[in-house]
Amino acid sequence: MSELRFDGRVAIVTGGGRGIGKANALALARRGAAVVINDLGCDGFGHGSDPNIAEAVAEEIRQAGGKAVAQCADIGAPDVAEELAGLALSEFGRVDIVLSNAMFERLAPFYEISREEVQAHLNTDVFGAWSLLKAVWPHFEKQNYGRILISVSSSLLGGGTGGVPYAMCKGALVSFNRSLANIARVGNLDIKSNVIAPYAFTQMWEAMPSVVPDEAVRDATRRYLPPDGIAPTALALTHESCPASGQIFVCANGKVQRFFYAKSPGIEAADLTPELIIENFDQLESPDGWEEVIGVSMQTGTPFMARAIEVVSGKG
């Protein structure tokens, strides 16, 4: 297969100043994309700001012969997403790809976390992605083309303990991703949206040694799971030839897997009672006969509505 190229494409990468975001931005630029780097330059807990972080990545791309500009700003702050989209359009005339990677994490027992802390997570992770994609969507529609890749945390894809607000955001982004894919599918648009759940040793891992306190394990993880190991999956999912949309892919250095939702055949009875459910709970949880849930959200509700019609019409 010939090399996947991005010549003529313009990509916006949030959180593109370090770690996975930087690795993906550099990889896109090496294959011909013009890149707009957004990064506040904060630490792994979301504190502080350094304008040199984003600009250094843009300069690295330009020094290698590529095209790039930088924006140092909090993507979750009002008007920043619109300004970022405007920067891409003014500098390069179009937007084709969005990699939403900006995030931070603050660990604490969930009952000790304030509403303000939860809101801070939501602002960066969820509203940042929402605002940016809302800003670029009209351009995607007009050109009938767009590729979206939203990064979430693999370790908290199924929920968290110390990082509950962070995990909440990831769940919201997964549903947001599927919604975007549904909208494009119903509109017959060549806009693909997917999620990656990456495993890589990043600034956030460095900032939280308590997550992996053993230094030998941390060092092995640091060397075995570099951020640039995510780039092959990111490039495949943002290329024009990508066939998938609305999906989740768990990835790490040298490996990628698809993660999906499914529903069991369940329990069905005209006289369904709580006792019957408990007595047959093993049947409810059994993986035998599970069906993958894809496409529009109505897939899960349509069988119930069809059954209602049958029963009311006397056919069921």
Protein backbone atom coordinates (compact mmCIF):
# COMPACT_ATOMS: atom_id res chain seq x y z
CA MET A 1 0.00 0.00 0.00
CA SER A 2 1.28 3.48 -0.85
CA GLU A 3 2.06 5.93 1.94
CA LEU A 4 -0.95 7.73 3.38
CA ARG A 5 -0.47 11.41 2.62
CA PHE A 6 -2.15 14.58 3.87
CA ASP A 7 -0.96 17.04 1.23
CA GLY A 8 -3.36 19.96 0.95
CA ARG A 9 -5.11 19.07 4.22
CA VAL A 10 -5.28 21.38 7.22
CA ALA A 11 -5.40 19.94 10.73
CA ILE A 12 -6.19 21.58 14.06
CA VAL A 13 -4.61 19.83 17.04
CA THR A 14 -5.65 20.90 20.54
CA GLY A 15 -3.28 19.96 23.32
CA GLY A 16 -0.70 19.78 20.55
CA GLY A 17 2.24 21.16 22.48
CA ARG A 18 3.36 18.01 24.27
CA GLY A 19 2.83 14.29 24.53
CA ILE A 20 0.33 12.55 22.26
CA GLY A 21 -0.93 15.80 20.75
CA LYS A 22 2.56 16.90 19.76
CA ALA A 23 3.44 13.48 18.35
CA ASN A 24 0.30 13.45 16.22
CA ALA A 25 0.84 17.01 15.02
CA LEU A 26 4.41 16.24 13.94
CA ALA A 27 3.33 13.04 12.22
CA LEU A 28 0.63 14.86 10.24
CA ALA A 29 3.09 17.57 9.22
CA ARG A 30 5.67 15.03 8.06
CA ARG A 31 3.04 13.63 5.70
CA GLY A 32 2.11 16.96 4.19
CA ALA A 33 -0.61 18.50 6.38
CA ALA A 34 -0.57 22.12 7.47
CA VAL A 35 -1.07 22.12 11.24
CA VAL A 36 -2.59 24.60 13.67
CA ILE A 37 -1.32 23.91 17.19
CA ASN A 38 -3.41 24.88 20.21
CA ASP A 39 -1.93 24.45 23.67
CA LEU A 40 -2.25 26.49 26.85
CA GLY A 41 1.11 25.24 28.08
CA CYS A 42 -0.30 24.26 31.47
CA ASP A 43 0.95 21.48 33.71
CA GLY A 44 -0.67 18.05 33.99
CA PHE A 45 -3.13 19.40 36.56
CA GLY A 46 -4.31 22.23 34.32
CA HIS A 47 -2.44 25.01 36.13
CA GLY A 48 -0.29 27.72 34.60
CA SER A 49 0.44 28.77 31.03
CA ASP A 50 3.46 28.88 28.74
CA PRO A 51 3.13 30.34 25.22
CA ASN A 52 6.43 28.80 24.18
CA ILE A 53 5.05 25.25 24.30
CA ALA A 54 2.74 25.50 21.30
CA GLU A 55 5.04 27.82 19.37
CA ALA A 56 7.99 25.43 19.75
CA VAL A 57 6.06 22.64 18.01
CA ALA A 58 4.96 24.97 15.21
CA GLU A 59 8.55 26.14 14.76
CA GLU A 60 9.81 22.55 14.67
CA ILE A 61 7.39 21.83 11.85
CA ARG A 62 8.39 24.97 9.94
CA GLN A 63 12.10 24.21 10.38
CA ALA A 64 11.48 20.81 8.79
CA GLY A 65 9.87 22.49 5.78
CA GLY A 66 6.25 22.16 6.85
CA LYS A 67 3.46 24.64 7.53
CA ALA A 68 2.27 25.41 11.03
CA VAL A 69 1.00 28.17 13.29
CA ALA A 70 0.36 28.18 17.03
CA GLN A 71 -2.23 29.47 19.46
CA CYS A 72 -1.56 29.62 23.19
CA ALA A 73 -5.01 29.64 24.79
CA ASP A 74 -7.39 27.58 26.90
CA ILE A 75 -9.62 25.79 24.39
CA GLY A 76 -12.37 25.65 27.02
CA ALA A 77 -12.50 29.43 27.47
CA PRO A 78 -15.19 31.49 25.70
CA ASP A 79 -14.47 32.39 22.05
CA VAL A 80 -11.13 30.54 21.92
CA ALA A 81 -12.43 27.71 19.72
CA GLU A 82 -13.91 30.18 17.25
CA GLU A 83 -10.62 32.09 17.18
CA LEU A 84 -8.73 28.84 16.58
CA ALA A 85 -10.95 27.88 13.66
CA GLY A 86 -10.56 31.41 12.32
CA LEU A 87 -6.78 31.14 12.58
CA ALA A 88 -6.79 27.97 10.48
CA LEU A 89 -9.00 29.58 7.85
CA SER A 90 -7.04 32.83 7.69
CA GLU A 91 -3.66 31.08 7.50
CA PHE A 92 -4.46 28.11 5.31
CA GLY A 93 -7.92 28.71 3.84
CA ARG A 94 -9.67 25.58 5.08
CA VAL A 95 -10.04 23.01 7.87
CA ASP A 96 -10.10 19.28 7.15
CA ILE A 97 -9.07 17.56 10.37
CA VAL A 98 -9.63 18.14 14.08
CA LEU A 99 -7.66 16.22 16.70
CA SER A 100 -9.13 17.07 20.09
CA ASN A 101 -6.49 16.18 22.63
CA ALA A 102 -6.53 18.99 25.24
CA MET A 103 -7.08 17.63 28.75
CA PHE A 104 -5.81 17.59 32.31
CA GLU A 105 -6.56 15.54 35.41
CA ARG A 106 -6.80 16.33 39.10
CA LEU A 107 -6.99 13.34 41.43
CA ALA A 108 -9.04 13.29 44.65
CA PRO A 109 -11.85 11.22 46.19
CA PHE A 110 -15.01 12.16 44.31
CA TYR A 111 -16.78 13.38 47.46
CA GLU A 112 -13.99 15.89 48.08
CA ILE A 113 -14.04 17.43 44.61
CA SER A 114 -15.81 20.75 44.32
CA ARG A 115 -18.32 21.75 41.69
CA GLU A 116 -15.75 24.24 40.40
CA GLU A 117 -13.21 21.45 39.87
CA VAL A 118 -15.74 19.38 37.92
CA GLN A 119 -16.62 22.42 35.82
CA ALA A 120 -12.95 23.04 35.06
CA HIS A 121 -12.61 19.51 33.69
CA LEU A 122 -15.79 19.89 31.64
CA ASN A 123 -14.67 23.22 30.23
CA THR A 124 -11.44 21.87 28.77
CA ASP A 125 -12.38 18.31 27.84
CA VAL A 126 -16.02 18.56 26.80
CA PHE A 127 -16.85 22.19 26.03
CA GLY A 128 -13.48 22.66 24.35
CA ALA A 129 -14.21 19.83 21.92
CA TRP A 130 -17.86 20.88 21.54
CA SER A 131 -17.00 24.51 20.79
CA LEU A 132 -14.28 23.71 18.28
CA LEU A 133 -16.33 21.17 16.36
CA LYS A 134 -19.33 23.49 16.38
CA ALA A 135 -17.09 26.18 14.86
CA VAL A 136 -15.65 23.98 12.09
CA TRP A 137 -18.76 21.92 11.28
CA PRO A 138 -20.23 24.43 8.79
CA HIS A 139 -16.95 24.30 6.87
CA PHE A 140 -16.98 20.50 6.94
CA GLU A 141 -20.53 20.53 5.59
CA LYS A 142 -19.74 23.06 2.86
CA GLN A 143 -16.80 21.04 1.56
CA ASN A 144 -18.49 17.70 2.34
CA TYR A 145 -15.37 16.51 4.08
CA GLY A 146 -14.00 16.27 7.59
CA ARG A 147 -12.11 13.94 9.86
CA ILE A 148 -12.45 14.16 13.65
CA LEU A 149 -10.43 12.30 16.25
CA ILE A 150 -11.21 12.78 19.94
CA SER A 151 -8.71 11.48 22.46
CA VAL A 152 -9.91 10.06 25.77
CA SER A 153 -8.07 8.20 28.51
CA SER A 154 -7.83 4.44 28.09
CA SER A 155 -7.39 3.87 31.79
CA LEU A 156 -10.63 5.68 32.64
CA LEU A 157 -12.73 4.68 29.64
CA GLY A 158 -14.72 2.39 31.92
CA GLY A 159 -14.87 4.81 34.85
CA GLY A 160 -12.50 6.01 37.52
CA THR A 161 -11.94 6.14 41.26
CA GLY A 162 -9.61 9.04 42.03
CA GLY A 163 -10.25 10.81 38.74
CA VAL A 164 -14.05 10.75 38.56
CA PRO A 165 -14.56 14.18 36.88
CA TYR A 166 -11.96 13.22 34.28
CA ALA A 167 -13.73 9.92 33.66
CA MET A 168 -17.09 11.68 33.42
CA CYS A 169 -15.69 13.85 30.66
CA LYS A 170 -14.46 10.81 28.75
CA GLY A 171 -17.90 9.23 28.86
CA ALA A 172 -19.43 12.46 27.55
CA LEU A 173 -16.91 12.63 24.72
CA VAL A 174 -17.63 9.05 23.64
CA SER A 175 -21.34 9.86 23.30
CA PHE A 176 -20.52 13.17 21.60
CA ASN A 177 -18.38 11.30 19.08
CA ARG A 178 -21.17 8.84 18.28
CA SER A 179 -23.61 11.74 17.93
CA LEU A 180 -21.35 13.49 15.41
CA ALA A 181 -21.01 10.28 13.43
CA ASN A 182 -24.80 9.84 13.45
CA ILE A 183 -25.39 13.41 12.24
CA ALA A 184 -22.93 12.94 9.37
CA ARG A 185 -24.38 9.54 8.49
CA VAL A 186 -27.97 10.80 8.38
CA GLY A 187 -26.86 13.81 6.32
CA ASN A 188 -24.92 11.59 3.90
CA LEU A 189 -21.78 13.62 4.57
CA ASP A 190 -18.18 12.47 4.18
CA ILE A 191 -17.42 13.46 7.77
CA LYS A 192 -15.94 10.75 9.97
CA SER A 193 -15.61 11.01 13.74
CA ASN A 194 -13.83 8.51 15.98
CA VAL A 195 -12.36 8.22 19.45
CA ILE A 196 -8.97 6.90 20.46
CA ALA A 197 -8.29 5.67 23.95
CA PRO A 198 -4.48 5.79 24.01
CA TYR A 199 -1.98 4.25 26.40
CA ALA A 200 1.20 6.33 26.47
CA PHE A 201 3.51 7.78 29.09
CA THR A 202 2.85 11.52 28.99
CA GLN A 203 3.19 14.68 31.03
CA MET A 204 0.11 13.68 33.02
CA TRP A 205 1.75 10.40 34.09
CA GLU A 206 4.88 12.30 35.06
CA ALA A 207 2.78 14.68 37.16
CA MET A 208 1.07 11.89 39.10
CA PRO A 209 3.68 9.39 40.37
CA SER A 210 1.12 8.05 42.85
CA VAL A 211 -0.70 6.34 39.96
CA VAL A 212 2.34 4.12 39.33
CA PRO A 213 4.57 4.58 42.40
CA ASP A 214 7.13 1.90 41.49
CA GLU A 215 9.93 3.74 39.69
CA ALA A 216 11.10 0.64 37.80
CA VAL A 217 7.60 0.15 36.41
CA ARG A 218 7.35 3.84 35.58
CA ASP A 219 10.68 3.77 33.75
CA ALA A 220 9.71 0.67 31.77
CA THR A 221 6.37 2.24 30.86
CA ARG A 222 8.07 5.49 29.89
CA ARG A 223 10.34 3.66 27.45
CA TYR A 224 7.85 1.10 26.13
CA LEU A 225 4.83 3.40 25.68
CA PRO A 226 6.11 6.59 24.04
CA PRO A 227 3.54 9.17 22.83
CA ASP A 228 4.65 8.80 19.22
CA GLY A 229 3.43 5.19 19.33
CA ILE A 230 -0.11 6.58 19.03
CA ALA A 231 0.54 8.40 15.76
CA PRO A 232 0.01 5.45 13.36
CA THR A 233 -3.53 4.94 14.64
CA ALA A 234 -4.24 8.69 14.68
CA LEU A 235 -3.10 9.07 11.08
CA ALA A 236 -5.10 6.10 9.87
CA LEU A 237 -8.28 7.43 11.50
CA THR A 238 -7.86 10.97 10.16
CA HIS A 239 -6.99 10.01 6.59
CA GLU A 240 -9.50 10.35 3.77
CA SER A 241 -9.46 6.57 3.28
CA CYS A 242 -10.61 5.80 6.84
CA PRO A 243 -13.80 3.69 6.65
CA ALA A 244 -14.83 3.93 10.31
CA SER A 245 -17.00 6.48 12.08
CA GLY A 246 -18.52 6.63 15.53
CA GLN A 247 -16.09 4.03 16.80
CA ILE A 248 -13.64 3.73 19.71
CA PHE A 249 -10.11 2.42 19.24
CA VAL A 250 -7.81 1.51 22.12
CA CYS A 251 -4.22 1.99 21.02
CA ALA A 252 -0.65 1.95 22.24
CA ASN A 253 2.83 1.59 20.83
CA GLY A 254 2.59 -1.24 18.29
CA LYS A 255 -1.07 -2.15 18.89
CA VAL A 256 -4.62 -1.01 18.13
CA GLN A 257 -7.94 -2.63 19.05
CA ARG A 258 -11.59 -1.70 18.53
CA PHE A 259 -13.67 -1.20 21.66
CA PHE A 260 -17.43 -1.46 21.23
CA TYR A 261 -20.82 -1.44 22.90
CA ALA A 262 -23.05 -4.50 22.89
CA LYS A 263 -26.38 -5.60 24.34
CA SER A 264 -27.36 -9.05 25.54
CA PRO A 265 -30.51 -10.91 24.40
CA GLY A 266 -31.75 -10.20 27.92
CA ILE A 267 -34.86 -11.44 29.67
CA GLU A 268 -38.33 -11.13 28.17
CA ALA A 269 -41.57 -12.11 29.82
CA ALA A 270 -45.14 -10.83 29.71
CA ASP A 271 -45.25 -10.98 33.50
CA LEU A 272 -41.75 -9.59 34.13
CA THR A 273 -41.14 -9.11 37.85
CA PRO A 274 -38.16 -8.03 39.94
CA GLU A 275 -37.94 -11.57 41.30
CA LEU A 276 -37.79 -13.04 37.79
CA ILE A 277 -34.97 -10.65 36.86
CA ILE A 278 -32.88 -11.57 39.92
CA GLU A 279 -33.51 -15.29 39.43
CA ASN A 280 -32.28 -15.06 35.82
CA PHE A 281 -29.53 -12.47 36.22
CA ASP A 282 -26.91 -14.84 34.83
CA GLN A 283 -28.92 -14.93 31.61
CA LEU A 284 -29.01 -11.13 31.58
CA GLU A 285 -25.23 -10.91 31.92
CA SER A 286 -24.28 -13.85 29.70
CA PRO A 287 -22.20 -12.84 26.65
CA ASP A 288 -23.92 -15.50 24.54
CA GLY A 289 -25.78 -13.88 21.67
CA TRP A 290 -24.62 -10.32 22.36
CA GLU A 291 -25.33 -7.83 19.58
CA GLU A 292 -23.11 -4.88 18.82
CA VAL A 293 -24.80 -1.48 19.10
CA ILE A 294 -23.84 0.79 16.21
CA GLY A 295 -25.41 3.52 14.13
CA VAL A 296 -28.06 5.92 15.29
CA SER A 297 -29.22 5.82 18.89
CA MET A 298 -32.68 4.63 17.85
CA GLN A 299 -31.21 1.17 17.26
CA THR A 300 -31.66 0.34 20.91
CA GLY A 301 -35.19 1.69 21.13
CA THR A 302 -36.67 0.56 17.79
CA PRO A 303 -37.22 -3.09 18.85
CA PHE A 304 -39.24 -1.92 21.84
CA MET A 305 -41.40 0.35 19.69
CA ALA A 306 -41.92 -2.41 17.12
CA ARG A 307 -42.95 -4.75 19.91
CA ALA A 308 -45.39 -2.14 21.22
CA ILE A 309 -47.07 -1.94 17.82
CA GLU A 310 -47.37 -5.73 17.68
CA VAL A 311 -48.92 -5.97 21.12
CA VAL A 312 -51.35 -3.06 20.68
CA SER A 313 -52.44 -4.33 17.25
CA GLY A 314 -53.02 -7.80 18.69
CA LYS A 315 -50.30 -9.43 16.60
CA GLY A 316 -47.95 -10.10 19.50
